Amino acid sequence: MTKPDAYMQWSSAEAFCREQLRSTPEFDVAGYYYDYRLGWPGLIKSLRSLRGVNIFDAQKEALQNDRWRAWVIRRVNSDPACAKQAKAHIRQWGAAALIALPAADL
């Protein structure tokens, strides 16, 4: 059996989470995506769809999960492209930014 493509994994996971949220509103969507290694972009897409929120609010919810927050910090510290996105986020949102970097890094 072949592994389903990323879209099928994301859409199946989102459908599963939607069903779980119907019966258990406190279901940990971010934890589910982390446990099954379904990826940050898929998590944000699903949170936007499931919660009816914008990207900022979806990212805010995802970063409330300690494991995802640690993952994001690792990525920002190790991947120049992620660091660039983090800096742009901080410049855009200022004091409301979801992450912080040392002033010297900005």
PDB file of N, CA and C in Angstrom:
ATOM      1  N   MET A   1       0.844  -1.174   0.000  1.00  0.00           N
ATOM      2  CA  MET A   1       0.000   0.000   0.000  1.00  0.00           C
ATOM      3  C   MET A   1       0.891   1.240   0.000  1.00  0.00           C
ATOM      4  N   THR A   2       0.586   2.212  -0.844  1.00  0.00           N
ATOM      5  CA  THR A   2       1.389   3.424  -0.910  1.00  0.00           C
ATOM      6  C   THR A   2       0.890   4.449   0.097  1.00  0.00           C
ATOM      7  N   LYS A   3       1.824   5.273   0.529  1.00  0.00           N
ATOM      8  CA  LYS A   3       1.487   6.337   1.475  1.00  0.00           C
ATOM      9  C   LYS A   3       0.661   7.394   0.738  1.00  0.00           C
ATOM     10  N   PRO A   4      -0.447   7.854   1.334  1.00  0.00           N
ATOM     11  CA  PRO A   4      -1.246   8.878   0.666  1.00  0.00           C
ATOM     12  C   PRO A   4      -0.463  10.184   0.550  1.00  0.00           C
ATOM     13  N   ASP A   5      -0.786  10.971  -0.455  1.00  0.00           N
ATOM     14  CA  ASP A   5      -0.074  12.234  -0.608  1.00  0.00           C
ATOM     15  C   ASP A   5      -0.434  13.187   0.536  1.00  0.00           C
ATOM     16  N   ALA A   6       0.309  14.279   0.614  1.00  0.00           N
ATOM     17  CA  ALA A   6       0.161  15.202   1.739  1.00  0.00           C
ATOM     18  C   ALA A   6      -1.257  15.762   1.827  1.00  0.00           C
ATOM     19  N   TYR A   7      -1.872  16.064   0.678  1.00  0.00           N
ATOM     20  CA  TYR A   7      -3.231  16.611   0.716  1.00  0.00           C
ATOM     21  C   TYR A   7      -4.203  15.606   1.315  1.00  0.00           C
ATOM     22  N   MET A   8      -4.091  14.356   0.922  1.00  0.00           N
ATOM     23  CA  MET A   8      -5.001  13.338   1.451  1.00  0.00           C
ATOM     24  C   MET A   8      -4.782  13.158   2.946  1.00  0.00           C
ATOM     25  N   GLN A   9      -3.531  13.189   3.400  1.00  0.00           N
ATOM     26  CA  GLN A   9      -3.261  13.082   4.836  1.00  0.00           C
ATOM     27  C   GLN A   9      -3.909  14.245   5.575  1.00  0.00           C
ATOM     28  N   TRP A  10      -3.727  15.456   5.036  1.00  0.00           N
ATOM     29  CA  TRP A  10      -4.279  16.639   5.685  1.00  0.00           C
ATOM     30  C   TRP A  10      -5.801  16.591   5.699  1.00  0.00           C
ATOM     31  N   SER A  11      -6.426  16.293   4.568  1.00  0.00           N
ATOM     32  CA  SER A  11      -7.885  16.310   4.518  1.00  0.00           C
ATOM     33  C   SER A  11      -8.485  15.200   5.379  1.00  0.00           C
ATOM     34  N   SER A  12      -7.865  14.032   5.419  1.00  0.00           N
ATOM     35  CA  SER A  12      -8.339  12.944   6.280  1.00  0.00           C
ATOM     36  C   SER A  12      -8.178  13.315   7.748  1.00  0.00           C
ATOM     37  N   ALA A  13      -7.067  13.926   8.088  1.00  0.00           N
ATOM     38  CA  ALA A  13      -6.833  14.335   9.474  1.00  0.00           C
ATOM     39  C   ALA A  13      -7.831  15.409   9.877  1.00  0.00           C
ATOM     40  N   GLU A  14      -8.094  16.335   8.980  1.00  0.00           N
ATOM     41  CA  GLU A  14      -9.058  17.387   9.293  1.00  0.00           C
ATOM     42  C   GLU A  14     -10.451  16.799   9.508  1.00  0.00           C
ATOM     43  N   ALA A  15     -10.841  15.857   8.680  1.00  0.00           N
ATOM     44  CA  ALA A  15     -12.149  15.213   8.844  1.00  0.00           C
ATOM     45  C   ALA A  15     -12.220  14.479  10.185  1.00  0.00           C
ATOM     46  N   PHE A  16     -11.133  13.787  10.540  1.00  0.00           N
ATOM     47  CA  PHE A  16     -11.089  13.093  11.827  1.00  0.00           C
ATOM     48  C   PHE A  16     -11.226  14.090  12.979  1.00  0.00           C
ATOM     49  N   CYS A  17     -10.473  15.181  12.910  1.00  0.00           N
ATOM     50  CA  CYS A  17     -10.523  16.186  13.973  1.00  0.00           C
ATOM     51  C   CYS A  17     -11.899  16.831  14.069  1.00  0.00           C
ATOM     52  N   ARG A  18     -12.520  17.092  12.932  1.00  0.00           N
ATOM     53  CA  ARG A  18     -13.865  17.672  12.928  1.00  0.00           C
ATOM     54  C   ARG A  18     -14.837  16.751  13.675  1.00  0.00           C
ATOM     55  N   GLU A  19     -14.730  15.467  13.414  1.00  0.00           N
ATOM     56  CA  GLU A  19     -15.600  14.491  14.090  1.00  0.00           C
ATOM     57  C   GLU A  19     -15.305  14.438  15.590  1.00  0.00           C
ATOM     58  N   GLN A  20     -14.031  14.468  15.951  1.00  0.00           N
ATOM     59  CA  GLN A  20     -13.659  14.456  17.364  1.00  0.00           C
ATOM     60  C   GLN A  20     -14.179  15.694  18.090  1.00  0.00           C
ATOM     61  N   LEU A  21     -14.093  16.851  17.437  1.00  0.00           N
ATOM     62  CA  LEU A  21     -14.541  18.096  18.057  1.00  0.00           C
ATOM     63  C   LEU A  21     -16.054  18.117  18.276  1.00  0.00           C
ATOM     64  N   ARG A  22     -16.785  17.393  17.444  1.00  0.00           N
ATOM     65  CA  ARG A  22     -18.244  17.326  17.640  1.00  0.00           C
ATOM     66  C   ARG A  22     -18.588  16.667  18.972  1.00  0.00           C
ATOM     67  N   SER A  23     -17.849  15.621  19.312  1.00  0.00           N
ATOM     68  CA  SER A  23     -18.140  14.896  20.549  1.00  0.00           C
ATOM     69  C   SER A  23     -17.310  15.376  21.736  1.00  0.00           C
ATOM     70  N   THR A  24     -16.145  15.937  21.457  1.00  0.00           N
ATOM     71  CA  THR A  24     -15.253  16.390  22.531  1.00  0.00           C
ATOM     72  C   THR A  24     -14.688  17.757  22.141  1.00  0.00           C
ATOM     73  N   PRO A  25     -15.386  18.843  22.489  1.00  0.00           N
ATOM     74  CA  PRO A  25     -14.944  20.178  22.054  1.00  0.00           C
ATOM     75  C   PRO A  25     -13.529  20.548  22.476  1.00  0.00           C
ATOM     76  N   GLU A  26     -13.016  19.936  23.540  1.00  0.00           N
ATOM     77  CA  GLU A  26     -11.664  20.260  23.995  1.00  0.00           C
ATOM     78  C   GLU A  26     -10.596  19.384  23.336  1.00  0.00           C
ATOM     79  N   PHE A  27     -10.970  18.615  22.314  1.00  0.00           N
ATOM     80  CA  PHE A  27     -10.020  17.762  21.597  1.00  0.00           C
ATOM     81  C   PHE A  27      -8.810  18.592  21.163  1.00  0.00           C
ATOM     82  N   ASP A  28      -7.605  18.063  21.382  1.00  0.00           N
ATOM     83  CA  ASP A  28      -6.353  18.756  21.100  1.00  0.00           C
ATOM     84  C   ASP A  28      -5.935  18.544  19.640  1.00  0.00           C
ATOM     85  N   VAL A  29      -6.419  19.408  18.772  1.00  0.00           N
ATOM     86  CA  VAL A  29      -6.112  19.309  17.343  1.00  0.00           C
ATOM     87  C   VAL A  29      -4.608  19.437  17.119  1.00  0.00           C
ATOM     88  N   ALA A  30      -3.981  20.422  17.757  1.00  0.00           N
ATOM     89  CA  ALA A  30      -2.538  20.628  17.573  1.00  0.00           C
ATOM     90  C   ALA A  30      -1.750  19.406  18.039  1.00  0.00           C
ATOM     91  N   GLY A  31      -2.132  18.844  19.156  1.00  0.00           N
ATOM     92  CA  GLY A  31      -1.455  17.648  19.656  1.00  0.00           C
ATOM     93  C   GLY A  31      -1.593  16.477  18.703  1.00  0.00           C
ATOM     94  N   TYR A  32      -2.785  16.324  18.117  1.00  0.00           N
ATOM     95  CA  TYR A  32      -3.018  15.248  17.148  1.00  0.00           C
ATOM     96  C   TYR A  32      -2.099  15.414  15.940  1.00  0.00           C
ATOM     97  N   TYR A  33      -2.023  16.632  15.408  1.00  0.00           N
ATOM     98  CA  TYR A  33      -1.167  16.877  14.240  1.00  0.00           C
ATOM     99  C   TYR A  33       0.303  16.645  14.584  1.00  0.00           C
ATOM    100  N   TYR A  34       0.702  17.017  15.794  1.00  0.00           N
ATOM    101  CA  TYR A  34       2.095  16.797  16.200  1.00  0.00           C
ATOM    102  C   TYR A  34       2.381  15.306  16.352  1.00  0.00           C
ATOM    103  N   ASP A  35       1.507  14.602  17.044  1.00  0.00           N
ATOM    104  CA  ASP A  35       1.715  13.168  17.287  1.00  0.00           C
ATOM    105  C   ASP A  35       1.835  12.378  15.987  1.00  0.00           C
ATOM    106  N   TYR A  36       1.055  12.754  14.983  1.00  0.00           N
ATOM    107  CA  TYR A  36       1.064  12.015  13.719  1.00  0.00           C
ATOM    108  C   TYR A  36       1.920  12.682  12.649  1.00  0.00           C
ATOM    109  N   ARG A  37       2.719  13.669  13.063  1.00  0.00           N
ATOM    110  CA  ARG A  37       3.681  14.329  12.173  1.00  0.00           C
ATOM    111  C   ARG A  37       3.035  14.811  10.880  1.00  0.00           C
ATOM    112  N   LEU A  38       1.928  15.508  11.043  1.00  0.00           N
ATOM    113  CA  LEU A  38       1.178  15.968   9.879  1.00  0.00           C
ATOM    114  C   LEU A  38       1.587  17.355   9.412  1.00  0.00           C
ATOM    115  N   GLY A  39       2.489  18.000  10.131  1.00  0.00           N
ATOM    116  CA  GLY A  39       3.095  19.228   9.645  1.00  0.00           C
ATOM    117  C   GLY A  39       2.400  20.512  10.050  1.00  0.00           C
ATOM    118  N   TRP A  40       3.217  21.550  10.148  1.00  0.00           N
ATOM    119  CA  TRP A  40       2.748  22.878  10.536  1.00  0.00           C
ATOM    120  C   TRP A  40       1.765  23.467   9.522  1.00  0.00           C
ATOM    121  N   PRO A  41       2.073  23.477   8.219  1.00  0.00           N
ATOM    122  CA  PRO A  41       1.123  24.076   7.266  1.00  0.00           C
ATOM    123  C   PRO A  41      -0.253  23.396   7.317  1.00  0.00           C
ATOM    124  N   GLY A  42      -0.270  22.069   7.397  1.00  0.00           N
ATOM    125  CA  GLY A  42      -1.542  21.358   7.473  1.00  0.00           C
ATOM    126  C   GLY A  42      -2.302  21.684   8.743  1.00  0.00           C
ATOM    127  N   LEU A  43      -1.578  21.813   9.855  1.00  0.00           N
ATOM    128  CA  LEU A  43      -2.207  22.177  11.123  1.00  0.00           C
ATOM    129  C   LEU A  43      -2.862  23.540  11.008  1.00  0.00           C
ATOM    130  N   ILE A  44      -2.143  24.510  10.477  1.00  0.00           N
ATOM    131  CA  ILE A  44      -2.687  25.867  10.373  1.00  0.00           C
ATOM    132  C   ILE A  44      -3.897  25.883   9.440  1.00  0.00           C
ATOM    133  N   LYS A  45      -3.819  25.187   8.315  1.00  0.00           N
ATOM    134  CA  LYS A  45      -4.966  25.107   7.393  1.00  0.00           C
ATOM    135  C   LYS A  45      -6.176  24.493   8.089  1.00  0.00           C
ATOM    136  N   SER A  46      -5.941  23.420   8.819  1.00  0.00           N
ATOM    137  CA  SER A  46      -7.049  22.749   9.501  1.00  0.00           C
ATOM    138  C   SER A  46      -7.634  23.607  10.610  1.00  0.00           C
ATOM    139  N   LEU A  47      -6.790  24.246  11.392  1.00  0.00           N
ATOM    140  CA  LEU A  47      -7.313  25.109  12.459  1.00  0.00           C
ATOM    141  C   LEU A  47      -8.142  26.249  11.873  1.00  0.00           C
ATOM    142  N   ARG A  48      -7.695  26.813  10.768  1.00  0.00           N
ATOM    143  CA  ARG A  48      -8.480  27.874  10.118  1.00  0.00           C
ATOM    144  C   ARG A  48      -9.841  27.358   9.695  1.00  0.00           C
ATOM    145  N   SER A  49      -9.862  26.177   9.118  1.00  0.00           N
ATOM    146  CA  SER A  49     -11.113  25.598   8.649  1.00  0.00           C
ATOM    147  C   SER A  49     -12.009  25.168   9.813  1.00  0.00           C
ATOM    148  N   LEU A  50     -11.428  24.479  10.774  1.00  0.00           N
ATOM    149  CA  LEU A  50     -12.208  23.946  11.893  1.00  0.00           C
ATOM    150  C   LEU A  50     -12.750  25.040  12.808  1.00  0.00           C
ATOM    151  N   ARG A  51     -11.967  26.064  13.024  1.00  0.00           N
ATOM    152  CA  ARG A  51     -12.342  27.123  13.973  1.00  0.00           C
ATOM    153  C   ARG A  51     -12.913  28.368  13.297  1.00  0.00           C
ATOM    154  N   GLY A  52     -12.737  28.447  11.978  1.00  0.00           N
ATOM    155  CA  GLY A  52     -13.218  29.635  11.267  1.00  0.00           C
ATOM    156  C   GLY A  52     -12.446  30.892  11.651  1.00  0.00           C
ATOM    157  N   VAL A  53     -11.118  30.751  11.776  1.00  0.00           N
ATOM    158  CA  VAL A  53     -10.278  31.867  12.212  1.00  0.00           C
ATOM    159  C   VAL A  53      -9.272  32.244  11.130  1.00  0.00           C
ATOM    160  N   ASN A  54      -8.608  33.376  11.336  1.00  0.00           N
ATOM    161  CA  ASN A  54      -7.581  33.817  10.391  1.00  0.00           C
ATOM    162  C   ASN A  54      -6.250  33.117  10.702  1.00  0.00           C
ATOM    163  N   ILE A  55      -5.254  33.380   9.882  1.00  0.00           N
ATOM    164  CA  ILE A  55      -3.954  32.713  10.049  1.00  0.00           C
ATOM    165  C   ILE A  55      -3.334  33.046  11.404  1.00  0.00           C
ATOM    166  N   PHE A  56      -3.374  34.316  11.792  1.00  0.00           N
ATOM    167  CA  PHE A  56      -2.781  34.730  13.066  1.00  0.00           C
ATOM    168  C   PHE A  56      -3.392  33.949  14.227  1.00  0.00           C
ATOM    169  N   ASP A  57      -4.715  33.851  14.268  1.00  0.00           N
ATOM    170  CA  ASP A  57      -5.376  33.144  15.370  1.00  0.00           C
ATOM    171  C   ASP A  57      -5.115  31.639  15.324  1.00  0.00           C
ATOM    172  N   ALA A  58      -5.001  31.087  14.122  1.00  0.00           N
ATOM    173  CA  ALA A  58      -4.670  29.658  14.007  1.00  0.00           C
ATOM    174  C   ALA A  58      -3.249  29.414  14.533  1.00  0.00           C
ATOM    175  N   GLN A  59      -2.314  30.285  14.171  1.00  0.00           N
ATOM    176  CA  GLN A  59      -0.947  30.151  14.665  1.00  0.00           C
ATOM    177  C   GLN A  59      -0.903  30.335  16.179  1.00  0.00           C
ATOM    178  N   LYS A  60      -1.678  31.270  16.680  1.00  0.00           N
ATOM    179  CA  LYS A  60      -1.729  31.508  18.123  1.00  0.00           C
ATOM    180  C   LYS A  60      -2.201  30.252  18.859  1.00  0.00           C
ATOM    181  N   GLU A  61      -3.259  29.619  18.348  1.00  0.00           N
ATOM    182  CA  GLU A  61      -3.749  28.386  18.970  1.00  0.00           C
ATOM    183  C   GLU A  61      -2.701  27.276  18.878  1.00  0.00           C
ATOM    184  N   ALA A  62      -2.065  27.137  17.728  1.00  0.00           N
ATOM    185  CA  ALA A  62      -1.059  26.082  17.553  1.00  0.00           C
ATOM    186  C   ALA A  62       0.109  26.276  18.513  1.00  0.00           C
ATOM    187  N   LEU A  63       0.511  27.517  18.729  1.00  0.00           N
ATOM    188  CA  LEU A  63       1.661  27.792  19.593  1.00  0.00           C
ATOM    189  C   LEU A  63       1.333  27.651  21.075  1.00  0.00           C
ATOM    190  N   GLN A  64       0.084  27.460  21.409  1.00  0.00           N
ATOM    191  CA  GLN A  64      -0.279  27.168  22.796  1.00  0.00           C
ATOM    192  C   GLN A  64       0.107  25.736  23.162  1.00  0.00           C
ATOM    193  N   ASN A  65       0.365  24.910  22.155  1.00  0.00           N
ATOM    194  CA  ASN A  65       0.829  23.551  22.379  1.00  0.00           C
ATOM    195  C   ASN A  65       2.348  23.605  22.599  1.00  0.00           C
ATOM    196  N   ASP A  66       2.801  23.141  23.757  1.00  0.00           N
ATOM    197  CA  ASP A  66       4.224  23.234  24.107  1.00  0.00           C
ATOM    198  C   ASP A  66       5.130  22.540  23.098  1.00  0.00           C
ATOM    199  N   ARG A  67       4.682  21.412  22.554  1.00  0.00           N
ATOM    200  CA  ARG A  67       5.533  20.680  21.613  1.00  0.00           C
ATOM    201  C   ARG A  67       5.678  21.452  20.294  1.00  0.00           C
ATOM    202  N   TRP A  68       4.580  22.045  19.808  1.00  0.00           N
ATOM    203  CA  TRP A  68       4.674  22.837  18.587  1.00  0.00           C
ATOM    204  C   TRP A  68       5.507  24.088  18.824  1.00  0.00           C
ATOM    205  N   ARG A  69       5.351  24.729  20.002  1.00  0.00           N
ATOM    206  CA  ARG A  69       6.138  25.921  20.295  1.00  0.00           C
ATOM    207  C   ARG A  69       7.630  25.573  20.270  1.00  0.00           C
ATOM    208  N   ALA A  70       8.009  24.464  20.894  1.00  0.00           N
ATOM    209  CA  ALA A  70       9.413  24.042  20.890  1.00  0.00           C
ATOM    210  C   ALA A  70       9.885  23.750  19.467  1.00  0.00           C
ATOM    211  N   TRP A  71       9.030  23.134  18.654  1.00  0.00           N
ATOM    212  CA  TRP A  71       9.374  22.831  17.266  1.00  0.00           C
ATOM    213  C   TRP A  71       9.628  24.125  16.487  1.00  0.00           C
ATOM    214  N   VAL A  72       8.746  25.103  16.670  1.00  0.00           N
ATOM    215  CA  VAL A  72       8.896  26.385  15.971  1.00  0.00           C
ATOM    216  C   VAL A  72      10.200  27.060  16.390  1.00  0.00           C
ATOM    217  N   ILE A  73      10.498  27.059  17.672  1.00  0.00           N
ATOM    218  CA  ILE A  73      11.743  27.673  18.153  1.00  0.00           C
ATOM    219  C   ILE A  73      12.954  26.977  17.539  1.00  0.00           C
ATOM    220  N   ARG A  74      12.928  25.640  17.500  1.00  0.00           N
ATOM    221  CA  ARG A  74      14.040  24.901  16.876  1.00  0.00           C
ATOM    222  C   ARG A  74      14.194  25.291  15.413  1.00  0.00           C
ATOM    223  N   ARG A  75      13.076  25.377  14.705  1.00  0.00           N
ATOM    224  CA  ARG A  75      13.128  25.724  13.275  1.00  0.00           C
ATOM    225  C   ARG A  75      13.668  27.137  13.057  1.00  0.00           C
ATOM    226  N   VAL A  76      13.190  28.075  13.857  1.00  0.00           N
ATOM    227  CA  VAL A  76      13.650  29.458  13.725  1.00  0.00           C
ATOM    228  C   VAL A  76      15.149  29.542  13.990  1.00  0.00           C
ATOM    229  N   ASN A  77      15.635  28.771  14.950  1.00  0.00           N
ATOM    230  CA  ASN A  77      17.057  28.807  15.301  1.00  0.00           C
ATOM    231  C   ASN A  77      17.945  28.045  14.327  1.00  0.00           C
ATOM    232  N   SER A  78      17.373  27.151  13.530  1.00  0.00           N
ATOM    233  CA  SER A  78      18.211  26.322  12.663  1.00  0.00           C
ATOM    234  C   SER A  78      18.005  26.539  11.169  1.00  0.00           C
ATOM    235  N   ASP A  79      16.926  27.168  10.782  1.00  0.00           N
ATOM    236  CA  ASP A  79      16.603  27.326   9.357  1.00  0.00           C
ATOM    237  C   ASP A  79      16.521  28.819   9.020  1.00  0.00           C
ATOM    238  N   PRO A  80      17.443  29.322   8.195  1.00  0.00           N
ATOM    239  CA  PRO A  80      17.439  30.755   7.861  1.00  0.00           C
ATOM    240  C   PRO A  80      16.112  31.239   7.261  1.00  0.00           C
ATOM    241  N   ALA A  81      15.441  30.412   6.481  1.00  0.00           N
ATOM    242  CA  ALA A  81      14.155  30.812   5.904  1.00  0.00           C
ATOM    243  C   ALA A  81      13.098  30.992   6.997  1.00  0.00           C
ATOM    244  N   CYS A  82      13.116  30.125   7.986  1.00  0.00           N
ATOM    245  CA  CYS A  82      12.178  30.243   9.110  1.00  0.00           C
ATOM    246  C   CYS A  82      12.503  31.479   9.942  1.00  0.00           C
ATOM    247  N   ALA A  83      13.788  31.730  10.149  1.00  0.00           N
ATOM    248  CA  ALA A  83      14.194  32.923  10.896  1.00  0.00           C
ATOM    249  C   ALA A  83      13.724  34.185  10.176  1.00  0.00           C
ATOM    250  N   LYS A  84      13.827  34.186   8.853  1.00  0.00           N
ATOM    251  CA  LYS A  84      13.389  35.330   8.061  1.00  0.00           C
ATOM    252  C   LYS A  84      11.878  35.544   8.227  1.00  0.00           C
ATOM    253  N   GLN A  85      11.106  34.460   8.195  1.00  0.00           N
ATOM    254  CA  GLN A  85       9.658  34.577   8.388  1.00  0.00           C
ATOM    255  C   GLN A  85       9.332  35.055   9.796  1.00  0.00           C
ATOM    256  N   ALA A  86      10.065  34.569  10.787  1.00  0.00           N
ATOM    257  CA  ALA A  86       9.839  34.993  12.171  1.00  0.00           C
ATOM    258  C   ALA A  86      10.102  36.486  12.319  1.00  0.00           C
ATOM    259  N   LYS A  87      11.174  36.978  11.717  1.00  0.00           N
ATOM    260  CA  LYS A  87      11.493  38.401  11.791  1.00  0.00           C
ATOM    261  C   LYS A  87      10.415  39.242  11.122  1.00  0.00           C
ATOM    262  N   ALA A  88       9.919  38.776   9.984  1.00  0.00           N
ATOM    263  CA  ALA A  88       8.843  39.496   9.292  1.00  0.00           C
ATOM    264  C   ALA A  88       7.571  39.519  10.153  1.00  0.00           C
ATOM    265  N   HIS A  89       7.283  38.406  10.808  1.00  0.00           N
ATOM    266  CA  HIS A  89       6.110  38.330  11.693  1.00  0.00           C
ATOM    267  C   HIS A  89       6.246  39.348  12.829  1.00  0.00           C
ATOM    268  N   ILE A  90       7.421  39.411  13.428  1.00  0.00           N
ATOM    269  CA  ILE A  90       7.649  40.333  14.543  1.00  0.00           C
ATOM    270  C   ILE A  90       7.544  41.786  14.079  1.00  0.00           C
ATOM    271  N   ARG A  91       8.102  42.093  12.917  1.00  0.00           N
ATOM    272  CA  ARG A  91       7.999  43.459  12.384  1.00  0.00           C
ATOM    273  C   ARG A  91       6.536  43.817  12.115  1.00  0.00           C
ATOM    274  N   GLN A  92       5.773  42.864  11.571  1.00  0.00           N
ATOM    275  CA  GLN A  92       4.373  43.130  11.235  1.00  0.00           C
ATOM    276  C   GLN A  92       3.514  43.317  12.483  1.00  0.00           C
ATOM    277  N   TRP A  93       3.710  42.473  13.487  1.00  0.00           N
ATOM    278  CA  TRP A  93       2.809  42.454  14.636  1.00  0.00           C
ATOM    279  C   TRP A  93       3.327  43.201  15.850  1.00  0.00           C
ATOM    280  N   GLY A  94       4.604  43.530  15.887  1.00  0.00           N
ATOM    281  CA  GLY A  94       5.153  44.288  17.010  1.00  0.00           C
ATOM    282  C   GLY A  94       4.910  43.600  18.340  1.00  0.00           C
ATOM    283  N   ALA A  95       4.351  44.345  19.297  1.00  0.00           N
ATOM    284  CA  ALA A  95       4.127  43.819  20.646  1.00  0.00           C
ATOM    285  C   ALA A  95       3.145  42.649  20.661  1.00  0.00           C
ATOM    286  N   ALA A  96       2.304  42.537  19.646  1.00  0.00           N
ATOM    287  CA  ALA A  96       1.317  41.444  19.581  1.00  0.00           C
ATOM    288  C   ALA A  96       1.888  40.176  18.939  1.00  0.00           C
ATOM    289  N   ALA A  97       3.157  40.207  18.537  1.00  0.00           N
ATOM    290  CA  ALA A  97       3.774  39.047  17.878  1.00  0.00           C
ATOM    291  C   ALA A  97       3.681  37.809  18.764  1.00  0.00           C
ATOM    292  N   LEU A  98       3.565  36.662  18.121  1.00  0.00           N
ATOM    293  CA  LEU A  98       3.404  35.388  18.817  1.00  0.00           C
ATOM    294  C   LEU A  98       4.724  34.804  19.299  1.00  0.00           C
ATOM    295  N   ILE A  99       5.829  35.294  18.762  1.00  0.00           N
ATOM    296  CA  ILE A  99       7.146  34.813  19.150  1.00  0.00           C
ATOM    297  C   ILE A  99       8.029  36.027  19.404  1.00  0.00           C
ATOM    298  N   ALA A 100       9.142  35.794  20.057  1.00  0.00           N
ATOM    299  CA  ALA A 100      10.092  36.871  20.323  1.00  0.00           C
ATOM    300  C   ALA A 100      11.490  36.397  19.967  1.00  0.00           C
ATOM    301  N   LEU A 101      12.297  37.309  19.510  1.00  0.00           N
ATOM    302  CA  LEU A 101      13.708  37.044  19.223  1.00  0.00           C
ATOM    303  C   LEU A 101      14.526  38.100  19.957  1.00  0.00           C
ATOM    304  N   PRO A 102      15.755  37.787  20.293  1.00  0.00           N
ATOM    305  CA  PRO A 102      16.608  38.813  20.888  1.00  0.00           C
ATOM    306  C   PRO A 102      16.710  40.021  19.959  1.00  0.00           C
ATOM    307  N   ALA A 103      16.737  41.218  20.529  1.00  0.00           N
ATOM    308  CA  ALA A 103      16.782  42.445  19.717  1.00  0.00           C
ATOM    309  C   ALA A 103      17.929  42.431  18.724  1.00  0.00           C
ATOM    310  N   ALA A 104      19.051  41.837  19.088  1.00  0.00           N
ATOM    311  CA  ALA A 104      20.215  41.792  18.202  1.00  0.00           C
ATOM    312  C   ALA A 104      19.928  40.986  16.936  1.00  0.00           C
ATOM    313  N   ASP A 105      18.982  40.060  17.004  1.00  0.00           N
ATOM    314  CA  ASP A 105      18.663  39.221  15.846  1.00  0.00           C
ATOM    315  C   ASP A 105      17.708  39.903  14.876  1.00  0.00           C
ATOM    316  N   LEU A 106      17.083  40.975  15.286  1.00  0.00           N
ATOM    317  CA  LEU A 106      16.126  41.652  14.411  1.00  0.00           C
ATOM    318  C   LEU A 106      16.869  42.612  13.542  1.00  0.00           C
TER     319      LEU A 106
END
